[in-house]
Amino acid sequence: MLCGIASPTDLLRHLTPLVHQLKLLQYADHHEYTPHDMLAISAEFEKIPAAQKLIITTEKDYMRLQKSELDEWVKKLPLFYIPIKTDFIEKEKEELNLQLANYVRRN
């Protein structure tokens, strides 16, 4: 698992029961990946002895990996991401919808 998020706890909790083994490569929140990072990530990936292996990351980190100077590594590695889904807690969702409706009516 590759991530540059403040707290990967929920992601680890989600993924751990789904895999045989999980190795975390954690970077600082909002990390801008470099070719040097990709070299290190590739080296760590190659050290894993399993025949069936992949790299999973967040959609946020996947987008940060979409730079031309990283293409060489991104294309070679079996890299997948978990899509981001945003939702509001029911009470807050109702309040937001009400505020939006009131704003549209006024404007």
PDB file of N, CA and C in Angstrom:
ATOM      1  N   MET A   1       0.849  -1.162   0.000  1.00  0.00           N
ATOM      2  CA  MET A   1       0.000   0.000   0.000  1.00  0.00           C
ATOM      3  C   MET A   1       0.899   1.231   0.000  1.00  0.00           C
ATOM      4  N   LEU A   2       0.602   2.138  -0.870  1.00  0.00           N
ATOM      5  CA  LEU A   2       1.354   3.380  -1.030  1.00  0.00           C
ATOM      6  C   LEU A   2       0.425   4.531  -0.696  1.00  0.00           C
ATOM      7  N   CYS A   3       0.843   5.386   0.244  1.00  0.00           N
ATOM      8  CA  CYS A   3      -0.027   6.521   0.539  1.00  0.00           C
ATOM      9  C   CYS A   3       0.739   7.699   1.103  1.00  0.00           C
ATOM     10  N   GLY A   4       0.224   8.862   0.781  1.00  0.00           N
ATOM     11  CA  GLY A   4       0.714  10.118   1.308  1.00  0.00           C
ATOM     12  C   GLY A   4      -0.465  10.862   1.886  1.00  0.00           C
ATOM     13  N   ILE A   5      -1.053  10.283   2.927  1.00  0.00           N
ATOM     14  CA  ILE A   5      -2.198  10.890   3.594  1.00  0.00           C
ATOM     15  C   ILE A   5      -1.872  11.026   5.077  1.00  0.00           C
ATOM     16  N   ALA A   6      -2.550  11.933   5.742  1.00  0.00           N
ATOM     17  CA  ALA A   6      -2.249  12.227   7.141  1.00  0.00           C
ATOM     18  C   ALA A   6      -2.393  11.003   8.030  1.00  0.00           C
ATOM     19  N   SER A   7      -3.460  10.255   7.844  1.00  0.00           N
ATOM     20  CA  SER A   7      -3.687   9.086   8.686  1.00  0.00           C
ATOM     21  C   SER A   7      -4.232   7.933   7.839  1.00  0.00           C
ATOM     22  N   PRO A   8      -3.414   6.932   7.587  1.00  0.00           N
ATOM     23  CA  PRO A   8      -3.879   5.801   6.772  1.00  0.00           C
ATOM     24  C   PRO A   8      -4.630   4.732   7.568  1.00  0.00           C
ATOM     25  N   THR A   9      -4.978   5.015   8.818  1.00  0.00           N
ATOM     26  CA  THR A   9      -5.587   4.012   9.698  1.00  0.00           C
ATOM     27  C   THR A   9      -6.843   3.390   9.094  1.00  0.00           C
ATOM     28  N   ASP A  10      -7.771   4.206   8.620  1.00  0.00           N
ATOM     29  CA  ASP A  10      -9.017   3.663   8.055  1.00  0.00           C
ATOM     30  C   ASP A  10      -8.747   2.836   6.805  1.00  0.00           C
ATOM     31  N   LEU A  11      -7.824   3.287   5.985  1.00  0.00           N
ATOM     32  CA  LEU A  11      -7.479   2.551   4.773  1.00  0.00           C
ATOM     33  C   LEU A  11      -6.849   1.203   5.128  1.00  0.00           C
ATOM     34  N   LEU A  12      -5.961   1.193   6.100  1.00  0.00           N
ATOM     35  CA  LEU A  12      -5.360  -0.064   6.567  1.00  0.00           C
ATOM     36  C   LEU A  12      -6.427  -0.999   7.120  1.00  0.00           C
ATOM     37  N   ARG A  13      -7.341  -0.454   7.893  1.00  0.00           N
ATOM     38  CA  ARG A  13      -8.428  -1.254   8.468  1.00  0.00           C
ATOM     39  C   ARG A  13      -9.297  -1.863   7.363  1.00  0.00           C
ATOM     40  N   HIS A  14      -9.505  -1.126   6.306  1.00  0.00           N
ATOM     41  CA  HIS A  14     -10.315  -1.603   5.179  1.00  0.00           C
ATOM     42  C   HIS A  14      -9.590  -2.692   4.382  1.00  0.00           C
ATOM     43  N   LEU A  15      -8.305  -2.494   4.125  1.00  0.00           N
ATOM     44  CA  LEU A  15      -7.567  -3.405   3.251  1.00  0.00           C
ATOM     45  C   LEU A  15      -7.049  -4.671   3.931  1.00  0.00           C
ATOM     46  N   THR A  16      -6.681  -4.588   5.182  1.00  0.00           N
ATOM     47  CA  THR A  16      -6.036  -5.712   5.870  1.00  0.00           C
ATOM     48  C   THR A  16      -6.806  -7.029   5.758  1.00  0.00           C
ATOM     49  N   PRO A  17      -8.125  -7.046   5.977  1.00  0.00           N
ATOM     50  CA  PRO A  17      -8.827  -8.337   5.865  1.00  0.00           C
ATOM     51  C   PRO A  17      -8.956  -8.853   4.422  1.00  0.00           C
ATOM     52  N   LEU A  18      -8.640  -8.021   3.453  1.00  0.00           N
ATOM     53  CA  LEU A  18      -8.819  -8.393   2.045  1.00  0.00           C
ATOM     54  C   LEU A  18      -7.579  -8.998   1.409  1.00  0.00           C
ATOM     55  N   VAL A  19      -6.444  -8.936   2.100  1.00  0.00           N
ATOM     56  CA  VAL A  19      -5.187  -9.383   1.514  1.00  0.00           C
ATOM     57  C   VAL A  19      -4.471 -10.371   2.424  1.00  0.00           C
ATOM     58  N   HIS A  20      -3.571 -11.126   1.831  1.00  0.00           N
ATOM     59  CA  HIS A  20      -2.772 -12.083   2.609  1.00  0.00           C
ATOM     60  C   HIS A  20      -1.705 -11.354   3.421  1.00  0.00           C
ATOM     61  N   GLN A  21      -1.082 -10.367   2.813  1.00  0.00           N
ATOM     62  CA  GLN A  21      -0.028  -9.611   3.481  1.00  0.00           C
ATOM     63  C   GLN A  21      -0.068  -8.178   2.962  1.00  0.00           C
ATOM     64  N   LEU A  22       0.233  -7.241   3.836  1.00  0.00           N
ATOM     65  CA  LEU A  22       0.181  -5.828   3.460  1.00  0.00           C
ATOM     66  C   LEU A  22       1.443  -5.123   3.944  1.00  0.00           C
ATOM     67  N   LYS A  23       2.081  -4.428   3.038  1.00  0.00           N
ATOM     68  CA  LYS A  23       3.256  -3.623   3.384  1.00  0.00           C
ATOM     69  C   LYS A  23       2.906  -2.173   3.092  1.00  0.00           C
ATOM     70  N   LEU A  24       3.122  -1.314   4.082  1.00  0.00           N
ATOM     71  CA  LEU A  24       2.782   0.097   3.948  1.00  0.00           C
ATOM     72  C   LEU A  24       4.017   0.919   3.620  1.00  0.00           C
ATOM     73  N   LEU A  25       3.926   1.685   2.546  1.00  0.00           N
ATOM     74  CA  LEU A  25       4.931   2.699   2.219  1.00  0.00           C
ATOM     75  C   LEU A  25       4.229   4.035   2.407  1.00  0.00           C
ATOM     76  N   GLN A  26       4.530   4.689   3.512  1.00  0.00           N
ATOM     77  CA  GLN A  26       3.822   5.912   3.869  1.00  0.00           C
ATOM     78  C   GLN A  26       4.703   7.140   3.676  1.00  0.00           C
ATOM     79  N   TYR A  27       4.103   8.132   3.061  1.00  0.00           N
ATOM     80  CA  TYR A  27       4.759   9.422   2.840  1.00  0.00           C
ATOM     81  C   TYR A  27       3.935  10.495   3.552  1.00  0.00           C
ATOM     82  N   ALA A  28       4.503  11.667   3.688  1.00  0.00           N
ATOM     83  CA  ALA A  28       3.810  12.772   4.346  1.00  0.00           C
ATOM     84  C   ALA A  28       2.546  13.148   3.569  1.00  0.00           C
ATOM     85  N   ASP A  29       1.596  13.717   4.278  1.00  0.00           N
ATOM     86  CA  ASP A  29       0.367  14.178   3.648  1.00  0.00           C
ATOM     87  C   ASP A  29       0.704  15.184   2.543  1.00  0.00           C
ATOM     88  N   HIS A  30       0.038  15.049   1.410  1.00  0.00           N
ATOM     89  CA  HIS A  30       0.237  15.918   0.237  1.00  0.00           C
ATOM     90  C   HIS A  30       1.623  15.763  -0.394  1.00  0.00           C
ATOM     91  N   HIS A  31       2.233  14.612  -0.207  1.00  0.00           N
ATOM     92  CA  HIS A  31       3.572  14.380  -0.748  1.00  0.00           C
ATOM     93  C   HIS A  31       3.572  14.478  -2.274  1.00  0.00           C
ATOM     94  N   GLU A  32       4.549  15.168  -2.806  1.00  0.00           N
ATOM     95  CA  GLU A  32       4.736  15.245  -4.256  1.00  0.00           C
ATOM     96  C   GLU A  32       5.785  14.199  -4.636  1.00  0.00           C
ATOM     97  N   TYR A  33       5.364  13.155  -5.305  1.00  0.00           N
ATOM     98  CA  TYR A  33       6.251  12.039  -5.641  1.00  0.00           C
ATOM     99  C   TYR A  33       7.293  12.454  -6.674  1.00  0.00           C
ATOM    100  N   THR A  34       8.485  11.913  -6.512  1.00  0.00           N
ATOM    101  CA  THR A  34       9.617  12.228  -7.384  1.00  0.00           C
ATOM    102  C   THR A  34      10.133  10.944  -8.033  1.00  0.00           C
ATOM    103  N   PRO A  35      10.960  11.066  -9.054  1.00  0.00           N
ATOM    104  CA  PRO A  35      11.584   9.866  -9.623  1.00  0.00           C
ATOM    105  C   PRO A  35      12.371   9.076  -8.575  1.00  0.00           C
ATOM    106  N   HIS A  36      13.003   9.765  -7.641  1.00  0.00           N
ATOM    107  CA  HIS A  36      13.727   9.075  -6.567  1.00  0.00           C
ATOM    108  C   HIS A  36      12.761   8.220  -5.727  1.00  0.00           C
ATOM    109  N   ASP A  37      11.577   8.763  -5.410  1.00  0.00           N
ATOM    110  CA  ASP A  37      10.557   7.998  -4.678  1.00  0.00           C
ATOM    111  C   ASP A  37      10.158   6.752  -5.461  1.00  0.00           C
ATOM    112  N   MET A  38       9.958   6.932  -6.760  1.00  0.00           N
ATOM    113  CA  MET A  38       9.506   5.811  -7.590  1.00  0.00           C
ATOM    114  C   MET A  38      10.562   4.719  -7.664  1.00  0.00           C
ATOM    115  N   LEU A  39      11.801   5.111  -7.672  1.00  0.00           N
ATOM    116  CA  LEU A  39      12.884   4.140  -7.651  1.00  0.00           C
ATOM    117  C   LEU A  39      12.836   3.337  -6.352  1.00  0.00           C
ATOM    118  N   ALA A  40      12.638   4.014  -5.241  1.00  0.00           N
ATOM    119  CA  ALA A  40      12.539   3.339  -3.942  1.00  0.00           C
ATOM    120  C   ALA A  40      11.296   2.456  -3.873  1.00  0.00           C
ATOM    121  N   ILE A  41      10.175   2.931  -4.383  1.00  0.00           N
ATOM    122  CA  ILE A  41       8.935   2.155  -4.397  1.00  0.00           C
ATOM    123  C   ILE A  41       9.112   0.905  -5.243  1.00  0.00           C
ATOM    124  N   SER A  42       9.706   1.054  -6.411  1.00  0.00           N
ATOM    125  CA  SER A  42       9.968  -0.095  -7.292  1.00  0.00           C
ATOM    126  C   SER A  42      10.870  -1.120  -6.616  1.00  0.00           C
ATOM    127  N   ALA A  43      11.900  -0.642  -5.928  1.00  0.00           N
ATOM    128  CA  ALA A  43      12.830  -1.546  -5.236  1.00  0.00           C
ATOM    129  C   ALA A  43      12.109  -2.309  -4.126  1.00  0.00           C
ATOM    130  N   GLU A  44      11.274  -1.615  -3.354  1.00  0.00           N
ATOM    131  CA  GLU A  44      10.516  -2.282  -2.292  1.00  0.00           C
ATOM    132  C   GLU A  44       9.543  -3.297  -2.873  1.00  0.00           C
ATOM    133  N   PHE A  45       8.919  -2.944  -3.985  1.00  0.00           N
ATOM    134  CA  PHE A  45       7.976  -3.853  -4.643  1.00  0.00           C
ATOM    135  C   PHE A  45       8.693  -5.125  -5.091  1.00  0.00           C
ATOM    136  N   GLU A  46       9.866  -4.977  -5.671  1.00  0.00           N
ATOM    137  CA  GLU A  46      10.629  -6.131  -6.152  1.00  0.00           C
ATOM    138  C   GLU A  46      11.083  -7.044  -5.020  1.00  0.00           C
ATOM    139  N   LYS A  47      11.246  -6.519  -3.816  1.00  0.00           N
ATOM    140  CA  LYS A  47      11.660  -7.323  -2.669  1.00  0.00           C
ATOM    141  C   LYS A  47      10.566  -8.273  -2.185  1.00  0.00           C
ATOM    142  N   ILE A  48       9.333  -7.982  -2.521  1.00  0.00           N
ATOM    143  CA  ILE A  48       8.216  -8.819  -2.071  1.00  0.00           C
ATOM    144  C   ILE A  48       8.262 -10.130  -2.848  1.00  0.00           C
ATOM    145  N   PRO A  49       8.392 -11.271  -2.154  1.00  0.00           N
ATOM    146  CA  PRO A  49       8.583 -12.542  -2.840  1.00  0.00           C
ATOM    147  C   PRO A  49       7.326 -13.128  -3.485  1.00  0.00           C
ATOM    148  N   ALA A  50       6.164 -12.627  -3.183  1.00  0.00           N
ATOM    149  CA  ALA A  50       4.912 -13.187  -3.708  1.00  0.00           C
ATOM    150  C   ALA A  50       4.832 -13.057  -5.226  1.00  0.00           C
ATOM    151  N   ALA A  51       4.246 -14.058  -5.853  1.00  0.00           N
ATOM    152  CA  ALA A  51       4.057 -14.016  -7.306  1.00  0.00           C
ATOM    153  C   ALA A  51       2.909 -13.077  -7.675  1.00  0.00           C
ATOM    154  N   GLN A  52       1.865 -13.090  -6.875  1.00  0.00           N
ATOM    155  CA  GLN A  52       0.709 -12.224  -7.121  1.00  0.00           C
ATOM    156  C   GLN A  52       0.795 -11.040  -6.156  1.00  0.00           C
ATOM    157  N   LYS A  53       1.142  -9.901  -6.699  1.00  0.00           N
ATOM    158  CA  LYS A  53       1.292  -8.710  -5.877  1.00  0.00           C
ATOM    159  C   LYS A  53       0.907  -7.484  -6.682  1.00  0.00           C
ATOM    160  N   LEU A  54       0.503  -6.453  -5.972  1.00  0.00           N
ATOM    161  CA  LEU A  54       0.135  -5.201  -6.614  1.00  0.00           C
ATOM    162  C   LEU A  54       0.362  -4.058  -5.644  1.00  0.00           C
ATOM    163  N   ILE A  55       0.285  -2.874  -6.172  1.00  0.00           N
ATOM    164  CA  ILE A  55       0.385  -1.669  -5.355  1.00  0.00           C
ATOM    165  C   ILE A  55      -0.976  -0.995  -5.387  1.00  0.00           C
ATOM    166  N   ILE A  56      -1.490  -0.740  -4.206  1.00  0.00           N
ATOM    167  CA  ILE A  56      -2.767  -0.037  -4.117  1.00  0.00           C
ATOM    168  C   ILE A  56      -2.534   1.282  -3.392  1.00  0.00           C
ATOM    169  N   THR A  57      -3.224   2.303  -3.852  1.00  0.00           N
ATOM    170  CA  THR A  57      -3.068   3.627  -3.269  1.00  0.00           C
ATOM    171  C   THR A  57      -4.426   4.315  -3.245  1.00  0.00           C
ATOM    172  N   THR A  58      -4.443   5.540  -2.780  1.00  0.00           N
ATOM    173  CA  THR A  58      -5.672   6.324  -2.795  1.00  0.00           C
ATOM    174  C   THR A  58      -5.797   7.022  -4.154  1.00  0.00           C
ATOM    175  N   GLU A  59      -6.982   7.421  -4.495  1.00  0.00           N
ATOM    176  CA  GLU A  59      -7.168   8.170  -5.742  1.00  0.00           C
ATOM    177  C   GLU A  59      -6.382   9.476  -5.692  1.00  0.00           C
ATOM    178  N   LYS A  60      -6.330  10.074  -4.519  1.00  0.00           N
ATOM    179  CA  LYS A  60      -5.568  11.316  -4.328  1.00  0.00           C
ATOM    180  C   LYS A  60      -4.092  11.102  -4.671  1.00  0.00           C
ATOM    181  N   ASP A  61      -3.504  10.030  -4.143  1.00  0.00           N
ATOM    182  CA  ASP A  61      -2.097   9.757  -4.431  1.00  0.00           C
ATOM    183  C   ASP A  61      -1.898   9.336  -5.881  1.00  0.00           C
ATOM    184  N   TYR A  62      -2.849   8.594  -6.420  1.00  0.00           N
ATOM    185  CA  TYR A  62      -2.735   8.176  -7.817  1.00  0.00           C
ATOM    186  C   TYR A  62      -2.648   9.403  -8.726  1.00  0.00           C
ATOM    187  N   MET A  63      -3.451  10.411  -8.431  1.00  0.00           N
ATOM    188  CA  MET A  63      -3.422  11.636  -9.231  1.00  0.00           C
ATOM    189  C   MET A  63      -2.069  12.346  -9.090  1.00  0.00           C
ATOM    190  N   ARG A  64      -1.465  12.267  -7.922  1.00  0.00           N
ATOM    191  CA  ARG A  64      -0.141  12.873  -7.711  1.00  0.00           C
ATOM    192  C   ARG A  64       0.951  12.121  -8.475  1.00  0.00           C
ATOM    193  N   LEU A  65       0.681  10.895  -8.833  1.00  0.00           N
ATOM    194  CA  LEU A  65       1.649  10.085  -9.588  1.00  0.00           C
ATOM    195  C   LEU A  65       1.533  10.315 -11.100  1.00  0.00           C
ATOM    196  N   GLN A  66       0.554  11.083 -11.525  1.00  0.00           N
ATOM    197  CA  GLN A  66       0.324  11.322 -12.943  1.00  0.00           C
ATOM    198  C   GLN A  66       1.141  12.513 -13.454  1.00  0.00           C
ATOM    199  N   LYS A  67       2.444  12.380 -13.360  1.00  0.00           N
ATOM    200  CA  LYS A  67       3.366  13.407 -13.864  1.00  0.00           C
ATOM    201  C   LYS A  67       4.235  12.757 -14.928  1.00  0.00           C
ATOM    202  N   SER A  68       4.577  13.504 -15.930  1.00  0.00           N
ATOM    203  CA  SER A  68       5.351  12.938 -17.044  1.00  0.00           C
ATOM    204  C   SER A  68       6.670  12.330 -16.585  1.00  0.00           C
ATOM    205  N   GLU A  69       7.324  12.936 -15.583  1.00  0.00           N
ATOM    206  CA  GLU A  69       8.610  12.391 -15.142  1.00  0.00           C
ATOM    207  C   GLU A  69       8.464  11.079 -14.370  1.00  0.00           C
ATOM    208  N   LEU A  70       7.222  10.691 -14.046  1.00  0.00           N
ATOM    209  CA  LEU A  70       6.990   9.434 -13.327  1.00  0.00           C
ATOM    210  C   LEU A  70       6.382   8.350 -14.223  1.00  0.00           C
ATOM    211  N   ASP A  71       6.053   8.706 -15.455  1.00  0.00           N
ATOM    212  CA  ASP A  71       5.392   7.781 -16.386  1.00  0.00           C
ATOM    213  C   ASP A  71       6.094   6.439 -16.504  1.00  0.00           C
ATOM    214  N   GLU A  72       7.401   6.463 -16.601  1.00  0.00           N
ATOM    215  CA  GLU A  72       8.176   5.236 -16.778  1.00  0.00           C
ATOM    216  C   GLU A  72       7.851   4.219 -15.682  1.00  0.00           C
ATOM    217  N   TRP A  73       7.788   4.666 -14.433  1.00  0.00           N
ATOM    218  CA  TRP A  73       7.519   3.762 -13.319  1.00  0.00           C
ATOM    219  C   TRP A  73       6.036   3.416 -13.216  1.00  0.00           C
ATOM    220  N   VAL A  74       5.193   4.417 -13.377  1.00  0.00           N
ATOM    221  CA  VAL A  74       3.757   4.194 -13.233  1.00  0.00           C
ATOM    222  C   VAL A  74       3.269   3.161 -14.247  1.00  0.00           C
ATOM    223  N   LYS A  75       3.798   3.190 -15.460  1.00  0.00           N
ATOM    224  CA  LYS A  75       3.394   2.238 -16.491  1.00  0.00           C
ATOM    225  C   LYS A  75       3.903   0.825 -16.222  1.00  0.00           C
ATOM    226  N   LYS A  76       5.039   0.692 -15.543  1.00  0.00           N
ATOM    227  CA  LYS A  76       5.629  -0.618 -15.287  1.00  0.00           C
ATOM    228  C   LYS A  76       5.033  -1.326 -14.075  1.00  0.00           C
ATOM    229  N   LEU A  77       4.567  -0.562 -13.113  1.00  0.00           N
ATOM    230  CA  LEU A  77       4.093  -1.150 -11.864  1.00  0.00           C
ATOM    231  C   LEU A  77       2.596  -1.457 -11.926  1.00  0.00           C
ATOM    232  N   PRO A  78       2.170  -2.562 -11.289  1.00  0.00           N
ATOM    233  CA  PRO A  78       0.736  -2.864 -11.222  1.00  0.00           C
ATOM    234  C   PRO A  78       0.092  -1.970 -10.151  1.00  0.00           C
ATOM    235  N   LEU A  79      -0.255  -0.770 -10.549  1.00  0.00           N
ATOM    236  CA  LEU A  79      -0.711   0.265  -9.635  1.00  0.00           C
ATOM    237  C   LEU A  79      -2.221   0.452  -9.765  1.00  0.00           C
ATOM    238  N   PHE A  80      -2.916   0.341  -8.638  1.00  0.00           N
ATOM    239  CA  PHE A  80      -4.368   0.498  -8.594  1.00  0.00           C
ATOM    240  C   PHE A  80      -4.714   1.479  -7.486  1.00  0.00           C
ATOM    241  N   TYR A  81      -5.895   2.096  -7.594  1.00  0.00           N
ATOM    242  CA  TYR A  81      -6.300   3.029  -6.545  1.00  0.00           C
ATOM    243  C   TYR A  81      -7.722   2.761  -6.095  1.00  0.00           C
ATOM    244  N   ILE A  82      -7.983   3.195  -4.874  1.00  0.00           N
ATOM    245  CA  ILE A  82      -9.328   3.134  -4.307  1.00  0.00           C
ATOM    246  C   ILE A  82      -9.969   4.484  -4.572  1.00  0.00           C
ATOM    247  N   PRO A  83     -11.097   4.509  -5.271  1.00  0.00           N
ATOM    248  CA  PRO A  83     -11.731   5.796  -5.589  1.00  0.00           C
ATOM    249  C   PRO A  83     -12.199   6.527  -4.329  1.00  0.00           C
ATOM    250  N   ILE A  84     -12.189   7.832  -4.413  1.00  0.00           N
ATOM    251  CA  ILE A  84     -12.683   8.672  -3.331  1.00  0.00           C
ATOM    252  C   ILE A  84     -14.188   8.793  -3.463  1.00  0.00           C
ATOM    253  N   LYS A  85     -14.865   8.631  -2.348  1.00  0.00           N
ATOM    254  CA  LYS A  85     -16.313   8.828  -2.313  1.00  0.00           C
ATOM    255  C   LYS A  85     -16.600   9.798  -1.186  1.00  0.00           C
ATOM    256  N   THR A  86     -17.285  10.872  -1.508  1.00  0.00           N
ATOM    257  CA  THR A  86     -17.604  11.884  -0.513  1.00  0.00           C
ATOM    258  C   THR A  86     -19.095  11.849  -0.234  1.00  0.00           C
ATOM    259  N   ASP A  87     -19.420  11.925   1.040  1.00  0.00           N
ATOM    260  CA  ASP A  87     -20.821  11.969   1.430  1.00  0.00           C
ATOM    261  C   ASP A  87     -20.926  12.758   2.723  1.00  0.00           C
ATOM    262  N   PHE A  88     -22.113  13.202   3.031  1.00  0.00           N
ATOM    263  CA  PHE A  88     -22.370  13.932   4.254  1.00  0.00           C
ATOM    264  C   PHE A  88     -23.221  13.072   5.175  1.00  0.00           C
ATOM    265  N   ILE A  89     -23.044  13.284   6.468  1.00  0.00           N
ATOM    266  CA  ILE A  89     -23.918  12.639   7.442  1.00  0.00           C
ATOM    267  C   ILE A  89     -25.310  13.199   7.221  1.00  0.00           C
ATOM    268  N   GLU A  90     -26.320  12.361   7.374  1.00  0.00           N
ATOM    269  CA  GLU A  90     -27.689  12.712   6.986  1.00  0.00           C
ATOM    270  C   GLU A  90     -28.125  14.098   7.462  1.00  0.00           C
ATOM    271  N   LYS A  91     -27.951  14.432   8.737  1.00  0.00           N
ATOM    272  CA  LYS A  91     -28.383  15.742   9.243  1.00  0.00           C
ATOM    273  C   LYS A  91     -27.658  16.872   8.521  1.00  0.00           C
ATOM    274  N   GLU A  92     -26.354  16.731   8.339  1.00  0.00           N
ATOM    275  CA  GLU A  92     -25.583  17.762   7.661  1.00  0.00           C
ATOM    276  C   GLU A  92     -25.952  17.857   6.181  1.00  0.00           C
ATOM    277  N   LYS A  93     -26.280  16.720   5.590  1.00  0.00           N
ATOM    278  CA  LYS A  93     -26.694  16.712   4.184  1.00  0.00           C
ATOM    279  C   LYS A  93     -27.985  17.524   4.019  1.00  0.00           C
ATOM    280  N   GLU A  94     -28.941  17.314   4.910  1.00  0.00           N
ATOM    281  CA  GLU A  94     -30.205  18.048   4.845  1.00  0.00           C
ATOM    282  C   GLU A  94     -29.966  19.548   5.029  1.00  0.00           C
ATOM    283  N   GLU A  95     -29.090  19.907   5.983  1.00  0.00           N
ATOM    284  CA  GLU A  95     -28.786  21.319   6.237  1.00  0.00           C
ATOM    285  C   GLU A  95     -28.111  21.953   5.019  1.00  0.00           C
ATOM    286  N   LEU A  96     -27.170  21.255   4.415  1.00  0.00           N
ATOM    287  CA  LEU A  96     -26.497  21.778   3.223  1.00  0.00           C
ATOM    288  C   LEU A  96     -27.498  21.976   2.084  1.00  0.00           C
ATOM    289  N   ASN A  97     -28.354  20.994   1.851  1.00  0.00           N
ATOM    290  CA  ASN A  97     -29.349  21.119   0.785  1.00  0.00           C
ATOM    291  C   ASN A  97     -30.286  22.305   1.031  1.00  0.00           C
ATOM    292  N   LEU A  98     -30.658  22.518   2.279  1.00  0.00           N
ATOM    293  CA  LEU A  98     -31.521  23.653   2.621  1.00  0.00           C
ATOM    294  C   LEU A  98     -30.801  24.969   2.368  1.00  0.00           C
ATOM    295  N   GLN A  99     -29.547  25.070   2.787  1.00  0.00           N
ATOM    296  CA  GLN A  99     -28.768  26.292   2.556  1.00  0.00           C
ATOM    297  C   GLN A  99     -28.592  26.562   1.067  1.00  0.00           C
ATOM    298  N   LEU A 100     -28.319  25.513   0.296  1.00  0.00           N
ATOM    299  CA  LEU A 100     -28.165  25.686  -1.155  1.00  0.00           C
ATOM    300  C   LEU A 100     -29.470  26.143  -1.802  1.00  0.00           C
ATOM    301  N   ALA A 101     -30.580  25.527  -1.409  1.00  0.00           N
ATOM    302  CA  ALA A 101     -31.881  25.908  -1.963  1.00  0.00           C
ATOM    303  C   ALA A 101     -32.204  27.357  -1.615  1.00  0.00           C
ATOM    304  N   ASN A 102     -31.952  27.770  -0.381  1.00  0.00           N
ATOM    305  CA  ASN A 102     -32.209  29.150   0.032  1.00  0.00           C
ATOM    306  C   ASN A 102     -31.314  30.124  -0.751  1.00  0.00           C
ATOM    307  N   TYR A 103     -30.091  29.768  -0.941  1.00  0.00           N
ATOM    308  CA  TYR A 103     -29.169  30.625  -1.694  1.00  0.00           C
ATOM    309  C   TYR A 103     -29.646  30.797  -3.142  1.00  0.00           C
ATOM    310  N   VAL A 104     -30.064  29.710  -3.755  1.00  0.00           N
ATOM    311  CA  VAL A 104     -30.523  29.766  -5.148  1.00  0.00           C
ATOM    312  C   VAL A 104     -31.784  30.619  -5.239  1.00  0.00           C
ATOM    313  N   ARG A 105     -32.686  30.460  -4.294  1.00  0.00           N
ATOM    314  CA  ARG A 105     -33.916  31.273  -4.308  1.00  0.00           C
ATOM    315  C   ARG A 105     -33.595  32.774  -4.188  1.00  0.00           C
ATOM    316  N   ARG A 106     -32.652  33.106  -3.325  1.00  0.00           N
ATOM    317  CA  ARG A 106     -32.293  34.523  -3.128  1.00  0.00           C
ATOM    318  C   ARG A 106     -31.538  35.110  -4.310  1.00  0.00           C
ATOM    319  N   ASN A 107     -30.816  34.287  -5.027  1.00  0.00           N
ATOM    320  CA  ASN A 107     -29.967  34.789  -6.095  1.00  0.00           C
ATOM    321  C   ASN A 107     -30.444  34.363  -7.458  1.00  0.00           C
TER     322      ASN A 107
END
